[in-house]
Protein backbone atom coordinates (compact mmCIF):
# COMPACT_ATOMS: atom_id res chain seq x y z
CA MET A 1 -16.56 50.92 41.09
CA LYS A 2 -18.54 49.57 38.12
CA LEU A 3 -19.51 45.76 38.07
CA ILE A 4 -20.09 44.31 34.69
CA GLY A 5 -22.32 41.34 34.71
CA SER A 6 -25.57 39.31 34.41
CA VAL A 7 -28.86 39.03 36.90
CA THR A 8 -28.99 35.41 36.08
CA SER A 9 -25.11 34.60 36.58
CA PRO A 10 -24.80 33.05 40.08
CA TYR A 11 -20.93 34.35 39.88
CA VAL A 12 -22.10 37.89 39.44
CA ARG A 13 -24.70 37.49 42.11
CA LYS A 14 -21.91 36.25 44.35
CA VAL A 15 -20.26 39.51 43.96
CA ARG A 16 -23.36 41.74 44.44
CA VAL A 17 -24.19 39.88 47.58
CA VAL A 18 -20.76 40.61 49.01
CA MET A 19 -20.78 44.24 47.77
CA ALA A 20 -24.29 44.56 49.50
CA GLU A 21 -22.95 43.19 52.81
CA LYS A 22 -19.86 45.30 52.69
CA LYS A 23 -22.13 48.44 52.02
CA LEU A 24 -20.39 49.31 49.14
CA ASP A 25 -21.67 51.71 46.09
CA PHE A 26 -21.37 50.61 42.79
CA GLU A 27 -22.79 50.93 39.19
CA PHE A 28 -24.15 47.84 38.04
CA VAL A 29 -23.94 47.25 34.20
CA GLN A 30 -25.50 44.38 32.48
CA GLU A 31 -24.08 42.53 29.87
CA ASN A 32 -25.07 39.52 27.83
CA VAL A 33 -21.80 37.83 26.78
CA TRP A 34 -23.67 35.54 24.39
CA ALA A 35 -25.09 38.60 22.40
CA PRO A 36 -23.49 39.09 18.87
CA GLU A 37 -22.79 42.81 20.05
CA THR A 38 -21.04 42.25 23.47
CA ILE A 39 -17.95 44.33 24.52
CA ILE A 40 -17.21 42.33 27.31
CA GLN A 41 -13.85 41.23 26.08
CA GLN A 42 -12.80 45.07 26.09
CA THR A 43 -12.62 44.62 29.76
CA ASN A 44 -12.14 41.07 30.19
CA PRO A 45 -10.15 39.11 27.45
CA LEU A 46 -11.94 35.67 28.63
CA GLY A 47 -15.42 37.03 27.70
CA LYS A 48 -16.81 36.11 31.15
CA VAL A 49 -18.62 38.04 33.85
CA PRO A 50 -18.43 39.22 36.56
CA CYS A 51 -15.58 42.11 35.82
CA LEU A 52 -15.21 44.71 38.23
CA VAL A 53 -13.85 48.20 36.73
CA MET A 54 -12.14 50.31 39.41
CA GLU A 55 -11.89 54.00 39.41
CA ASP A 56 -8.64 54.21 37.56
CA GLY A 57 -9.89 51.72 34.75
CA SER A 58 -8.07 48.83 35.83
CA THR A 59 -10.15 45.83 35.87
CA LEU A 60 -10.64 42.74 38.26
CA TYR A 61 -12.20 39.37 36.86
CA ASP A 62 -13.05 35.99 38.27
CA SER A 63 -15.73 36.23 40.97
CA ARG A 64 -13.27 34.66 43.42
CA VAL A 65 -10.64 37.37 42.79
CA ILE A 66 -13.53 40.15 43.01
CA ALA A 67 -15.06 38.96 46.36
CA GLU A 68 -11.51 38.12 47.92
CA TYR A 69 -10.45 42.06 47.09
CA ILE A 70 -13.54 43.62 47.87
CA ASP A 71 -13.68 42.00 51.33
CA THR A 72 -10.61 43.98 52.07
CA LEU A 73 -12.16 47.50 51.44
CA THR A 74 -14.03 47.92 54.41
CA PRO A 75 -14.15 46.33 58.06
CA VAL A 76 -18.09 46.12 57.81
CA CYS A 77 -19.20 42.10 57.71
CA LYS A 78 -15.93 40.52 57.35
CA LEU A 79 -16.83 37.68 55.30
CA LEU A 80 -13.01 35.83 54.97
CA PRO A 81 -10.83 35.10 57.81
CA PRO A 82 -7.41 36.97 57.87
CA ASN A 83 -5.22 33.94 57.24
CA GLY A 84 -4.37 30.30 58.33
CA ARG A 85 -6.77 27.19 58.15
CA ASP A 86 -10.14 29.03 58.57
CA ARG A 87 -9.48 31.14 55.59
CA ALA A 88 -8.31 27.84 53.66
CA GLU A 89 -11.64 26.22 54.61
CA VAL A 90 -13.70 29.21 53.44
CA LYS A 91 -11.68 29.35 49.96
CA THR A 92 -12.37 25.52 49.83
CA TRP A 93 -16.25 25.87 50.68
CA GLU A 94 -16.23 28.59 47.77
CA ALA A 95 -14.49 26.36 45.35
CA LEU A 96 -17.02 23.45 45.97
CA ALA A 97 -19.71 25.80 45.29
CA ASP A 98 -18.33 27.30 42.20
CA GLY A 99 -17.27 23.69 41.01
CA VAL A 100 -21.02 22.71 41.66
CA LEU A 101 -21.75 25.93 39.44
CA ASP A 102 -19.33 25.02 36.52
CA ALA A 103 -20.62 21.54 36.08
CA ALA A 104 -24.31 22.42 36.10
CA ILE A 105 -23.89 25.28 33.87
CA LEU A 106 -21.76 23.01 31.23
CA VAL A 107 -24.93 20.95 31.50
CA ARG A 108 -27.15 23.76 30.61
CA LEU A 109 -24.83 25.00 27.70
CA GLU A 110 -24.93 21.55 26.20
CA LYS A 111 -28.41 21.33 26.17
CA THR A 112 -29.37 25.07 25.14
CA LEU A 113 -26.41 25.55 22.70
CA ARG A 114 -25.71 22.16 21.01
CA PRO A 115 -28.18 20.19 18.94
CA SER A 116 -29.68 17.31 20.42
CA GLU A 117 -28.01 15.01 17.96
CA GLN A 118 -24.67 16.32 18.95
CA GLN A 119 -24.98 16.32 22.47
CA SER A 120 -23.00 13.38 24.65
CA PRO A 121 -25.27 11.87 27.29
CA GLU A 122 -22.05 10.44 28.58
CA TRP A 123 -20.38 13.74 29.04
CA ILE A 124 -23.74 14.97 30.63
CA ALA A 125 -24.04 12.55 33.11
CA ARG A 126 -20.32 12.80 33.98
CA GLN A 127 -21.12 16.58 34.78
CA TRP A 128 -24.29 15.80 36.93
CA SER A 129 -21.74 13.30 38.99
CA LYS A 130 -19.73 16.28 40.03
CA VAL A 131 -22.91 18.35 40.66
CA HIS A 132 -24.64 15.59 43.12
CA ALA A 133 -21.11 14.85 44.64
CA GLY A 134 -20.69 18.12 45.57
CA LEU A 135 -23.99 18.38 46.72
CA ARG A 136 -23.46 15.76 49.19
CA VAL A 137 -20.32 16.95 50.64
CA MET A 138 -21.58 20.40 51.29
CA SER A 139 -24.32 18.30 53.41
CA GLU A 140 -22.08 16.35 55.10
CA ASP A 141 -19.43 19.18 55.70
CA LEU A 142 -22.57 21.58 57.01
CA GLY A 143 -24.16 18.83 59.55
CA ASP A 144 -26.01 20.48 61.72
CA GLY A 145 -24.05 23.59 61.93
CA PRO A 146 -25.82 27.15 61.46
CA PHE A 147 -23.32 28.16 58.83
CA CYS A 148 -20.69 26.42 56.57
CA MET A 149 -18.02 27.44 59.12
CA GLY A 150 -20.22 26.08 61.77
CA LYS A 151 -17.74 25.81 64.80
CA GLY A 152 -17.29 29.76 64.54
CA HIS A 153 -21.28 30.21 64.21
CA GLN A 154 -20.01 32.92 61.68
CA TYR A 155 -21.34 34.00 58.18
CA THR A 156 -18.72 33.98 55.87
CA LEU A 157 -17.97 33.88 51.87
CA ALA A 158 -18.64 30.14 52.17
CA ASP A 159 -22.23 30.84 52.85
CA VAL A 160 -22.46 33.43 50.47
CA ALA A 161 -20.94 31.06 47.64
CA VAL A 162 -23.33 28.08 48.69
CA GLY A 163 -26.39 30.03 48.72
CA CYS A 164 -25.68 31.47 45.39
CA ALA A 165 -24.94 27.83 43.82
CA LEU A 166 -28.05 26.39 45.17
CA GLY A 167 -30.18 29.52 43.97
CA TRP A 168 -28.94 28.96 40.90
CA LEU A 169 -29.63 25.32 40.80
CA ALA A 170 -33.36 26.38 41.88
CA PHE A 171 -33.46 28.71 39.24
CA ARG A 172 -32.15 26.71 36.41
CA PHE A 173 -32.73 23.04 37.36
CA PRO A 174 -36.05 22.99 39.77
CA GLU A 175 -36.04 19.27 38.90
CA ILE A 176 -33.22 18.54 41.04
CA ASP A 177 -34.60 17.95 44.11
CA TRP A 178 -31.47 19.12 46.61
CA ARG A 179 -34.00 20.43 49.20
CA GLY A 180 -35.45 16.89 49.74
CA ASP A 181 -32.10 15.10 49.43
CA TYR A 182 -30.55 17.44 51.95
CA PRO A 183 -32.90 19.27 54.19
CA ASN A 184 -29.61 20.78 56.00
CA LEU A 185 -28.94 22.60 52.71
CA ALA A 186 -32.33 23.75 52.44
CA ARG A 187 -32.49 25.14 56.06
CA LEU A 188 -29.34 27.13 55.38
CA PHE A 189 -30.72 28.55 51.93
CA ASP A 190 -33.82 29.60 53.66
CA LYS A 191 -31.92 31.51 56.26
CA LEU A 192 -29.77 33.16 53.75
CA SER A 193 -32.70 33.97 51.63
CA GLU A 194 -34.07 36.19 54.65
CA ARG A 195 -30.80 38.38 54.17
CA ALA A 196 -31.64 41.70 52.22
CA SER A 197 -28.37 40.69 50.03
CA PHE A 198 -29.98 37.78 48.85
CA ARG A 199 -33.39 39.10 48.47
CA ASP A 200 -32.27 42.00 46.66
CA THR A 201 -30.29 39.64 43.94
CA VAL A 202 -32.72 36.96 43.18
CA PRO A 203 -32.15 35.60 39.66
CA SER A 204 -34.91 36.61 37.11
CA LEU A 205 -35.28 36.70 33.50
CA ALA A 206 -37.59 39.59 33.63
């Protein structure tokens, strides 16, 4: 398998973490979708990463689709419950984490790609409200649990998604004091950061 992505993308990191946890071999091909010479649309017509190219040349895209598929490839470190309410809850956690990222990334794009005189403070504030609301709900739902699905004391895709979201916020928006505001999220993130899958995929501009 070949994974097309960027080392700074939190969605790509989520897939890389899952593949590491599942102990799967793959080729990682870096692609800058913002570069004029990008060829990402040859594999993903939406022009986004991550994109997974399989042995037969077929492709999967969207991190949620890829992560769910990868979890079926080996019984090692199952990250999704097989069905029912628990599975839906894990996927809801993932949707929440990805939604926080979606809003924060829109703010970054607005601030970096649009001239300052064309930026909308109201629109930026609306996106930030989603980020902060999402972090608050993450903290409330995590509570004192060791992992996002605390009742089972089990590491799941929910933790992968939340960890990647928090890591990207720390990387791109260090001024957001989510550690101080939500100590339980900080504890979870620190615990996740000790895992090899997270240590080996820390975002970097180098």
